[in-house]
Amino acid sequence: MEETHQEDIQLIGRIVQQDEAALRRLIEKYKTRLMGLAFKTVYSKELAEEVVMDVFVRVWEKGGMFNAEKGNLRGWLFQMTRNRSIDYLRKSGRRVDDTAVGWTDVHENVIPSTGDNPEKHAQQKDLASLVQSALSQLSEDQQLVLGLAYFKGLSNSQIANETGIPLGTVKTRIRRGMLKLKDFLSESDLARLA
């Protein structure tokens, strides 16, 4: 982690000096993650690409504004991406989708209602916490594709088209994510989920 932070500080320092190779390295390092973040907000591959390109242009033009004492470069890039995504939505007249279901909502939206049975409700609440904990073990990339597949109901091909991630990579991330979940959850946990 410290090594990444040091590399980021060196990269931004070189970018301030207008080093194009440093900008290319920064793009290579963060483009996929920023695309995923932008896509989660704007739900459009083209718009997400535009947002991310705008973020990197701003880094090139105003990289000197980054202050390592206030935080890390990754957080700064993520915040800029989130802010630019919202700006693009506002410009287009669309609203931020506050109703979108995310991993943090899984306990309320995946576990069925138990009516007035407090014992069953407590069991399902425990189970929801367990599932939430398992989901948090996944990488951001795996969370993105699984979220699009299971919460948005998109097919693997649709996910590939929407995110710009190659179809084989989408399938691999879904499979590896599901295997991680299976490894994290015990047999008895899986039986309770069924």
Protein backbone atom coordinates (compact mmCIF):
# COMPACT_ATOMS: atom_id res chain seq x y z
CA MET A 1 0.00 0.00 0.00
CA GLU A 2 2.79 2.41 0.93
CA GLU A 3 4.59 1.47 -2.29
CA THR A 4 1.50 2.38 -4.33
CA HIS A 5 1.16 5.68 -2.47
CA GLN A 6 4.79 6.54 -3.17
CA GLU A 7 4.42 5.63 -6.86
CA ASP A 8 1.30 7.81 -7.08
CA ILE A 9 3.12 10.78 -5.53
CA GLN A 10 5.96 10.34 -8.00
CA LEU A 11 3.51 10.05 -10.92
CA ILE A 12 1.60 13.21 -10.00
CA GLY A 13 4.88 15.07 -9.55
CA ARG A 14 5.95 14.04 -13.04
CA ILE A 15 2.51 14.93 -14.44
CA VAL A 16 2.82 18.44 -12.99
CA GLN A 17 6.05 18.64 -15.01
CA GLN A 18 3.99 17.64 -18.11
CA ASP A 19 5.50 14.13 -18.38
CA GLU A 20 3.17 12.31 -20.80
CA ALA A 21 4.59 8.88 -19.88
CA ALA A 22 3.55 9.48 -16.25
CA LEU A 23 0.02 10.37 -17.35
CA ARG A 24 -0.17 7.21 -19.49
CA ARG A 25 0.94 5.16 -16.47
CA LEU A 26 -1.66 6.82 -14.24
CA ILE A 27 -4.37 6.14 -16.82
CA GLU A 28 -3.25 2.52 -17.15
CA LYS A 29 -3.31 2.13 -13.38
CA TYR A 30 -6.71 3.71 -12.61
CA LYS A 31 -8.82 3.79 -15.79
CA THR A 32 -10.72 0.54 -15.15
CA ARG A 33 -11.60 1.42 -11.56
CA LEU A 34 -12.65 4.95 -12.47
CA MET A 35 -14.75 3.61 -15.35
CA GLY A 36 -16.51 1.27 -12.94
CA LEU A 37 -17.20 4.09 -10.51
CA ALA A 38 -18.44 6.44 -13.23
CA PHE A 39 -20.61 3.70 -14.72
CA LYS A 40 -22.24 3.02 -11.35
CA THR A 41 -23.39 6.65 -11.37
CA VAL A 42 -24.23 7.38 -15.01
CA TYR A 43 -25.19 3.87 -16.28
CA SER A 44 -23.78 4.60 -19.73
CA LYS A 45 -20.50 3.33 -21.15
CA GLU A 46 -20.10 6.36 -23.42
CA LEU A 47 -20.83 8.86 -20.67
CA ALA A 48 -18.58 7.01 -18.21
CA GLU A 49 -15.74 7.15 -20.76
CA GLU A 50 -16.32 10.88 -21.18
CA VAL A 51 -16.28 11.42 -17.41
CA VAL A 52 -13.03 9.49 -16.97
CA MET A 53 -11.38 11.26 -19.90
CA ASP A 54 -12.39 14.58 -18.35
CA VAL A 55 -10.90 13.53 -15.00
CA PHE A 56 -7.56 12.70 -16.60
CA VAL A 57 -7.57 15.97 -18.56
CA ARG A 58 -8.11 17.80 -15.26
CA VAL A 59 -5.26 15.84 -13.67
CA TRP A 60 -3.01 16.88 -16.57
CA GLU A 61 -4.04 20.52 -16.34
CA LYS A 62 -4.37 20.87 -12.57
CA GLY A 63 -2.32 18.06 -11.05
CA GLY A 64 -0.57 20.62 -8.87
CA MET A 65 -3.80 20.99 -6.88
CA PHE A 66 -3.34 17.49 -5.42
CA ASN A 67 -2.15 17.66 -1.81
CA ALA A 68 -0.65 14.43 -0.48
CA GLU A 69 -1.05 15.71 3.09
CA LYS A 70 -4.84 15.77 2.70
CA GLY A 71 -5.18 12.25 1.29
CA ASN A 72 -4.02 9.77 -1.28
CA LEU A 73 -4.16 10.16 -5.05
CA ARG A 74 -6.58 7.27 -5.48
CA GLY A 75 -9.13 8.95 -3.21
CA TRP A 76 -8.68 12.26 -5.02
CA LEU A 77 -9.27 10.57 -8.39
CA PHE A 78 -12.32 8.72 -7.08
CA GLN A 79 -13.79 11.91 -5.63
CA MET A 80 -13.20 13.81 -8.88
CA THR A 81 -14.80 10.97 -10.85
CA ARG A 82 -17.85 10.89 -8.60
CA ASN A 83 -18.23 14.68 -8.76
CA ARG A 84 -17.78 14.81 -12.55
CA SER A 85 -20.28 11.95 -12.99
CA ILE A 86 -22.89 13.89 -11.03
CA ASP A 87 -22.08 17.06 -13.01
CA TYR A 88 -22.60 15.19 -16.29
CA LEU A 89 -25.94 13.83 -15.07
CA ARG A 90 -27.09 17.30 -14.08
CA LYS A 91 -26.04 18.74 -17.46
CA SER A 92 -27.98 16.05 -19.29
CA GLY A 93 -31.05 16.68 -17.14
CA ARG A 94 -30.87 13.23 -15.56
CA ARG A 95 -30.90 12.67 -11.83
CA VAL A 96 -28.53 10.65 -9.72
CA ASP A 97 -30.21 7.29 -9.20
CA ASP A 98 -30.63 7.24 -5.44
CA THR A 99 -32.91 4.23 -5.81
CA ALA A 100 -30.22 2.02 -7.33
CA VAL A 101 -29.59 -1.10 -5.31
CA GLY A 102 -26.05 -1.59 -4.12
CA TRP A 103 -24.21 -4.08 -1.96
CA THR A 104 -24.93 -2.08 1.17
CA ASP A 105 -28.65 -2.52 0.51
CA VAL A 106 -28.49 -6.30 0.23
CA HIS A 107 -29.81 -6.98 3.74
CA GLU A 108 -32.98 -5.01 3.00
CA ASN A 109 -33.58 -6.04 -0.59
CA VAL A 110 -32.46 -9.65 -0.98
CA ILE A 111 -33.68 -11.26 2.22
CA PRO A 112 -37.44 -11.80 1.99
CA SER A 113 -39.84 -10.31 4.50
CA THR A 114 -40.79 -12.55 7.43
CA GLY A 115 -43.97 -10.79 8.35
CA ASP A 116 -44.60 -10.76 12.10
CA ASN A 117 -42.35 -13.68 13.06
CA PRO A 118 -39.59 -12.08 15.21
CA GLU A 119 -37.49 -15.27 15.44
CA LYS A 120 -37.38 -15.72 11.68
CA HIS A 121 -36.72 -12.01 11.25
CA ALA A 122 -33.71 -12.22 13.61
CA GLN A 123 -32.36 -15.28 11.74
CA GLN A 124 -32.70 -13.57 8.40
CA LYS A 125 -31.09 -10.40 9.73
CA ASP A 126 -28.11 -12.47 10.90
CA LEU A 127 -27.97 -14.17 7.54
CA ALA A 128 -28.11 -10.81 5.74
CA SER A 129 -25.16 -9.59 7.81
CA LEU A 130 -23.25 -12.73 6.89
CA VAL A 131 -23.97 -12.23 3.18
CA GLN A 132 -23.01 -8.55 3.42
CA SER A 133 -19.73 -9.52 5.05
CA ALA A 134 -19.05 -12.07 2.30
CA LEU A 135 -19.79 -9.52 -0.41
CA SER A 136 -17.36 -7.05 1.13
CA GLN A 137 -14.58 -9.62 0.58
CA LEU A 138 -14.92 -9.25 -3.20
CA SER A 139 -12.81 -6.89 -5.29
CA GLU A 140 -14.44 -3.73 -6.66
CA ASP A 141 -14.35 -5.28 -10.14
CA GLN A 142 -16.17 -8.40 -8.95
CA GLN A 143 -18.72 -6.34 -7.03
CA LEU A 144 -19.41 -4.26 -10.14
CA VAL A 145 -20.12 -7.19 -12.47
CA LEU A 146 -22.04 -9.19 -9.87
CA GLY A 147 -24.08 -6.12 -8.97
CA LEU A 148 -24.99 -5.51 -12.61
CA ALA A 149 -25.82 -9.19 -13.11
CA TYR A 150 -27.88 -9.79 -9.98
CA PHE A 151 -29.29 -6.39 -9.01
CA LYS A 152 -29.76 -4.90 -12.47
CA GLY A 153 -30.51 -8.22 -14.19
CA LEU A 154 -28.02 -7.68 -17.02
CA SER A 155 -26.63 -10.61 -19.02
CA ASN A 156 -22.89 -11.12 -19.36
CA SER A 157 -22.99 -9.64 -22.87
CA GLN A 158 -24.95 -6.62 -21.69
CA ILE A 159 -22.45 -6.07 -18.86
CA ALA A 160 -19.58 -6.24 -21.37
CA ASN A 161 -21.31 -3.75 -23.68
CA GLU A 162 -22.26 -1.35 -20.90
CA THR A 163 -18.89 -1.31 -19.12
CA GLY A 164 -16.48 -1.86 -22.00
CA ILE A 165 -15.00 -4.85 -20.16
CA PRO A 166 -14.29 -7.79 -22.51
CA LEU A 167 -16.93 -10.54 -22.32
CA GLY A 168 -14.41 -13.18 -21.20
CA THR A 169 -13.26 -10.91 -18.38
CA VAL A 170 -16.86 -10.32 -17.28
CA LYS A 171 -17.47 -14.09 -17.14
CA THR A 172 -14.23 -14.66 -15.25
CA ARG A 173 -14.99 -11.94 -12.68
CA ILE A 174 -18.49 -13.30 -12.09
CA ARG A 175 -17.21 -16.86 -11.72
CA ARG A 176 -14.34 -15.89 -9.41
CA GLY A 177 -16.65 -13.67 -7.36
CA MET A 178 -19.16 -16.48 -6.94
CA LEU A 179 -16.39 -18.92 -5.97
CA LYS A 180 -15.08 -16.43 -3.39
CA LEU A 181 -18.58 -16.09 -1.96
CA LYS A 182 -18.95 -19.87 -1.82
CA ASP A 183 -15.57 -20.21 -0.06
CA PHE A 184 -16.47 -17.51 2.44
CA LEU A 185 -19.87 -18.93 3.27
CA SER A 186 -19.93 -22.30 5.01
CA GLU A 187 -22.10 -25.24 3.90
CA SER A 188 -24.61 -24.49 6.68
CA ASP A 189 -24.76 -20.83 5.61
CA LEU A 190 -25.46 -21.90 2.03
CA ALA A 191 -28.18 -24.27 3.23
CA ARG A 192 -29.84 -21.40 5.10
CA LEU A 193 -29.73 -19.28 1.93
CA ALA A 194 -31.53 -21.94 -0.12
